[in-house]
Amino acid sequence: MIGIHPIHRRLAELTNKARQMGGFDRLNYVDRQELEHCMKANFDLVYKLDSLKSIAFVAYDCGDLDWQQELCQKIDAIEAKLM
């Protein structure tokens, strides 16, 4: 089962609202602020996961399996919260 993170669900809701209203520029100030907050939280999540995955690949490439496993555990913990 694929879960939807609350941030992604709220982004979808705000996008739907904007579509119904005729564009993101039609959202009220509070909705635009929330949209910006959700986009930042999404960026932070993606950046952190991508960074950890890149470093885990470096650990693998260097043959440091303990370090790789430590990084993979961090990745798994973050991804588990997404479901």
N, C-alpha and C. Protein backbone atom coordinates (compact mmCIF):
# COMPACT_ATOMS: atom_id res chain seq x y z
N MET A 1 0.83 -1.18 0.00
CA MET A 1 0.00 0.00 0.00
C MET A 1 0.88 1.25 0.00
N ILE A 2 0.53 2.19 -0.81
CA ILE A 2 1.28 3.44 -0.90
C ILE A 2 0.53 4.49 -0.08
N GLY A 3 1.23 5.09 0.84
CA GLY A 3 0.62 6.12 1.66
C GLY A 3 0.83 7.49 1.07
N ILE A 4 0.04 8.41 1.52
CA ILE A 4 0.16 9.80 1.10
C ILE A 4 0.51 10.63 2.33
N HIS A 5 1.64 11.28 2.27
CA HIS A 5 2.07 12.14 3.37
C HIS A 5 1.08 13.30 3.50
N PRO A 6 0.79 13.74 4.72
CA PRO A 6 -0.16 14.85 4.91
C PRO A 6 0.21 16.11 4.12
N ILE A 7 1.49 16.36 3.96
CA ILE A 7 1.93 17.52 3.17
C ILE A 7 1.47 17.38 1.72
N HIS A 8 1.64 16.18 1.17
CA HIS A 8 1.26 15.95 -0.22
C HIS A 8 -0.26 16.00 -0.39
N ARG A 9 -0.98 15.51 0.60
CA ARG A 9 -2.44 15.57 0.53
C ARG A 9 -2.90 17.04 0.54
N ARG A 10 -2.30 17.84 1.41
CA ARG A 10 -2.69 19.25 1.48
C ARG A 10 -2.31 19.99 0.21
N LEU A 11 -1.15 19.67 -0.37
CA LEU A 11 -0.77 20.27 -1.65
C LEU A 11 -1.81 19.95 -2.71
N ALA A 12 -2.29 18.72 -2.73
CA ALA A 12 -3.31 18.32 -3.70
C ALA A 12 -4.61 19.08 -3.46
N GLU A 13 -5.00 19.23 -2.20
CA GLU A 13 -6.23 19.97 -1.88
C GLU A 13 -6.13 21.42 -2.32
N LEU A 14 -5.00 22.05 -2.04
CA LEU A 14 -4.82 23.45 -2.42
C LEU A 14 -4.77 23.61 -3.95
N THR A 15 -4.17 22.64 -4.62
CA THR A 15 -4.12 22.67 -6.08
C THR A 15 -5.52 22.54 -6.65
N ASN A 16 -6.31 21.63 -6.10
CA ASN A 16 -7.69 21.47 -6.55
C ASN A 16 -8.49 22.75 -6.32
N LYS A 17 -8.32 23.35 -5.17
CA LYS A 17 -9.02 24.60 -4.86
C LYS A 17 -8.62 25.69 -5.86
N ALA A 18 -7.32 25.78 -6.15
CA ALA A 18 -6.84 26.79 -7.10
C ALA A 18 -7.42 26.54 -8.49
N ARG A 19 -7.49 25.29 -8.90
CA ARG A 19 -8.06 24.96 -10.22
C ARG A 19 -9.51 25.39 -10.29
N GLN A 20 -10.26 25.10 -9.23
CA GLN A 20 -11.67 25.46 -9.21
C GLN A 20 -11.88 26.97 -9.24
N MET A 21 -10.92 27.70 -8.69
CA MET A 21 -11.03 29.15 -8.63
C MET A 21 -10.45 29.84 -9.86
N GLY A 22 -9.74 29.10 -10.70
CA GLY A 22 -9.18 29.68 -11.91
C GLY A 22 -7.70 29.99 -11.85
N GLY A 23 -6.99 29.49 -10.86
CA GLY A 23 -5.54 29.68 -10.80
C GLY A 23 -5.05 29.94 -9.38
N PHE A 24 -3.76 29.69 -9.19
CA PHE A 24 -3.16 29.87 -7.87
C PHE A 24 -3.22 31.33 -7.40
N ASP A 25 -3.20 32.24 -8.35
CA ASP A 25 -3.25 33.66 -7.98
C ASP A 25 -4.59 34.06 -7.37
N ARG A 26 -5.57 33.20 -7.49
CA ARG A 26 -6.90 33.49 -6.93
C ARG A 26 -7.06 32.99 -5.50
N LEU A 27 -6.10 32.23 -5.02
CA LEU A 27 -6.17 31.76 -3.63
C LEU A 27 -6.05 32.94 -2.68
N ASN A 28 -6.70 32.84 -1.55
CA ASN A 28 -6.58 33.92 -0.57
C ASN A 28 -5.20 33.85 0.10
N TYR A 29 -4.89 34.88 0.85
CA TYR A 29 -3.57 35.02 1.46
C TYR A 29 -3.22 33.82 2.34
N VAL A 30 -4.15 33.37 3.16
CA VAL A 30 -3.90 32.25 4.08
C VAL A 30 -3.59 30.98 3.29
N ASP A 31 -4.36 30.71 2.24
CA ASP A 31 -4.11 29.52 1.41
C ASP A 31 -2.76 29.61 0.71
N ARG A 32 -2.40 30.79 0.23
CA ARG A 32 -1.09 30.95 -0.42
C ARG A 32 0.05 30.74 0.57
N GLN A 33 -0.13 31.22 1.79
CA GLN A 33 0.89 31.01 2.83
C GLN A 33 1.01 29.52 3.15
N GLU A 34 -0.13 28.85 3.25
CA GLU A 34 -0.10 27.41 3.52
C GLU A 34 0.52 26.64 2.36
N LEU A 35 0.22 27.05 1.15
CA LEU A 35 0.82 26.44 -0.03
C LEU A 35 2.34 26.59 0.01
N GLU A 36 2.80 27.78 0.34
CA GLU A 36 4.24 28.03 0.43
C GLU A 36 4.87 27.15 1.53
N HIS A 37 4.19 27.06 2.66
CA HIS A 37 4.67 26.21 3.75
C HIS A 37 4.77 24.74 3.31
N CYS A 38 3.73 24.25 2.65
CA CYS A 38 3.72 22.86 2.18
C CYS A 38 4.82 22.61 1.14
N MET A 39 5.02 23.58 0.26
CA MET A 39 6.06 23.43 -0.75
C MET A 39 7.45 23.39 -0.12
N LYS A 40 7.67 24.21 0.90
CA LYS A 40 8.95 24.19 1.59
C LYS A 40 9.14 22.87 2.32
N ALA A 41 8.10 22.40 3.00
CA ALA A 41 8.20 21.12 3.71
C ALA A 41 8.46 19.98 2.73
N ASN A 42 7.82 20.02 1.56
CA ASN A 42 8.06 19.00 0.54
C ASN A 42 9.50 19.07 0.04
N PHE A 43 9.98 20.27 -0.23
CA PHE A 43 11.36 20.44 -0.66
C PHE A 43 12.33 19.87 0.37
N ASP A 44 12.12 20.22 1.64
CA ASP A 44 13.01 19.74 2.70
C ASP A 44 13.02 18.21 2.76
N LEU A 45 11.86 17.61 2.63
CA LEU A 45 11.75 16.15 2.66
C LEU A 45 12.48 15.52 1.49
N VAL A 46 12.23 16.01 0.29
CA VAL A 46 12.87 15.46 -0.90
C VAL A 46 14.38 15.67 -0.85
N TYR A 47 14.80 16.86 -0.44
CA TYR A 47 16.23 17.17 -0.37
C TYR A 47 16.94 16.25 0.61
N LYS A 48 16.33 16.05 1.78
CA LYS A 48 16.94 15.19 2.79
C LYS A 48 17.04 13.75 2.30
N LEU A 49 15.96 13.22 1.74
CA LEU A 49 15.99 11.85 1.23
C LEU A 49 17.00 11.69 0.10
N ASP A 50 16.99 12.61 -0.85
CA ASP A 50 17.94 12.53 -1.97
C ASP A 50 19.38 12.62 -1.49
N SER A 51 19.63 13.48 -0.51
CA SER A 51 20.99 13.62 0.04
C SER A 51 21.44 12.33 0.71
N LEU A 52 20.57 11.77 1.54
CA LEU A 52 20.92 10.52 2.22
C LEU A 52 21.15 9.38 1.22
N LYS A 53 20.33 9.32 0.18
CA LYS A 53 20.49 8.27 -0.83
C LYS A 53 21.79 8.45 -1.60
N SER A 54 22.15 9.68 -1.90
CA SER A 54 23.42 9.94 -2.59
C SER A 54 24.61 9.54 -1.72
N ILE A 55 24.54 9.90 -0.45
CA ILE A 55 25.64 9.55 0.47
C ILE A 55 25.70 8.04 0.67
N ALA A 56 24.54 7.39 0.71
CA ALA A 56 24.51 5.93 0.86
C ALA A 56 25.17 5.26 -0.35
N PHE A 57 24.97 5.83 -1.53
CA PHE A 57 25.63 5.29 -2.71
C PHE A 57 27.14 5.45 -2.62
N VAL A 58 27.59 6.60 -2.11
CA VAL A 58 29.02 6.81 -1.91
C VAL A 58 29.58 5.78 -0.93
N ALA A 59 28.84 5.55 0.15
CA ALA A 59 29.27 4.56 1.14
C ALA A 59 29.37 3.18 0.50
N TYR A 60 28.40 2.84 -0.32
CA TYR A 60 28.41 1.55 -1.04
C TYR A 60 29.61 1.48 -1.97
N ASP A 61 29.83 2.56 -2.73
CA ASP A 61 30.92 2.60 -3.70
C ASP A 61 32.28 2.49 -3.00
N CYS A 62 32.37 3.02 -1.77
CA CYS A 62 33.62 2.95 -1.00
C CYS A 62 33.77 1.60 -0.29
N GLY A 63 32.71 0.82 -0.29
CA GLY A 63 32.76 -0.47 0.39
C GLY A 63 32.54 -0.39 1.89
N ASP A 64 32.04 0.74 2.37
CA ASP A 64 31.79 0.91 3.80
C ASP A 64 30.35 0.49 4.09
N LEU A 65 30.16 -0.81 4.29
CA LEU A 65 28.81 -1.34 4.45
C LEU A 65 28.15 -0.92 5.76
N ASP A 66 28.95 -0.71 6.80
CA ASP A 66 28.38 -0.25 8.07
C ASP A 66 27.78 1.15 7.91
N TRP A 67 28.52 2.02 7.27
CA TRP A 67 28.04 3.38 7.03
C TRP A 67 26.81 3.35 6.11
N GLN A 68 26.88 2.54 5.06
CA GLN A 68 25.75 2.42 4.15
C GLN A 68 24.50 1.95 4.89
N GLN A 69 24.67 0.94 5.74
CA GLN A 69 23.53 0.41 6.48
C GLN A 69 22.95 1.48 7.43
N GLU A 70 23.82 2.23 8.07
CA GLU A 70 23.37 3.31 8.95
C GLU A 70 22.54 4.33 8.17
N LEU A 71 23.01 4.70 7.00
CA LEU A 71 22.29 5.66 6.16
C LEU A 71 20.97 5.08 5.67
N CYS A 72 20.99 3.81 5.30
CA CYS A 72 19.76 3.16 4.83
C CYS A 72 18.71 3.07 5.94
N GLN A 73 19.16 2.90 7.16
CA GLN A 73 18.22 2.89 8.29
C GLN A 73 17.57 4.26 8.46
N LYS A 74 18.34 5.32 8.26
CA LYS A 74 17.78 6.68 8.34
C LYS A 74 16.77 6.91 7.22
N ILE A 75 17.12 6.43 6.04
CA ILE A 75 16.22 6.56 4.89
C ILE A 75 14.93 5.79 5.16
N ASP A 76 15.06 4.57 5.63
CA ASP A 76 13.88 3.74 5.92
C ASP A 76 12.99 4.39 6.97
N ALA A 77 13.60 4.99 7.99
CA ALA A 77 12.82 5.65 9.04
C ALA A 77 12.02 6.83 8.48
N ILE A 78 12.64 7.61 7.61
CA ILE A 78 11.93 8.74 7.01
C ILE A 78 10.82 8.24 6.09
N GLU A 79 11.12 7.25 5.26
CA GLU A 79 10.13 6.74 4.33
C GLU A 79 8.97 6.06 5.04
N ALA A 80 9.23 5.45 6.20
CA ALA A 80 8.16 4.81 6.97
C ALA A 80 7.13 5.84 7.44
N LYS A 81 7.59 7.06 7.69
CA LYS A 81 6.68 8.12 8.12
C LYS A 81 5.81 8.64 6.98
N LEU A 82 6.17 8.30 5.76
CA LEU A 82 5.41 8.75 4.60
C LEU A 82 4.15 7.93 4.39
N MET A 83 4.07 6.80 5.03
CA MET A 83 2.93 5.91 4.80
C MET A 83 1.89 6.02 5.89
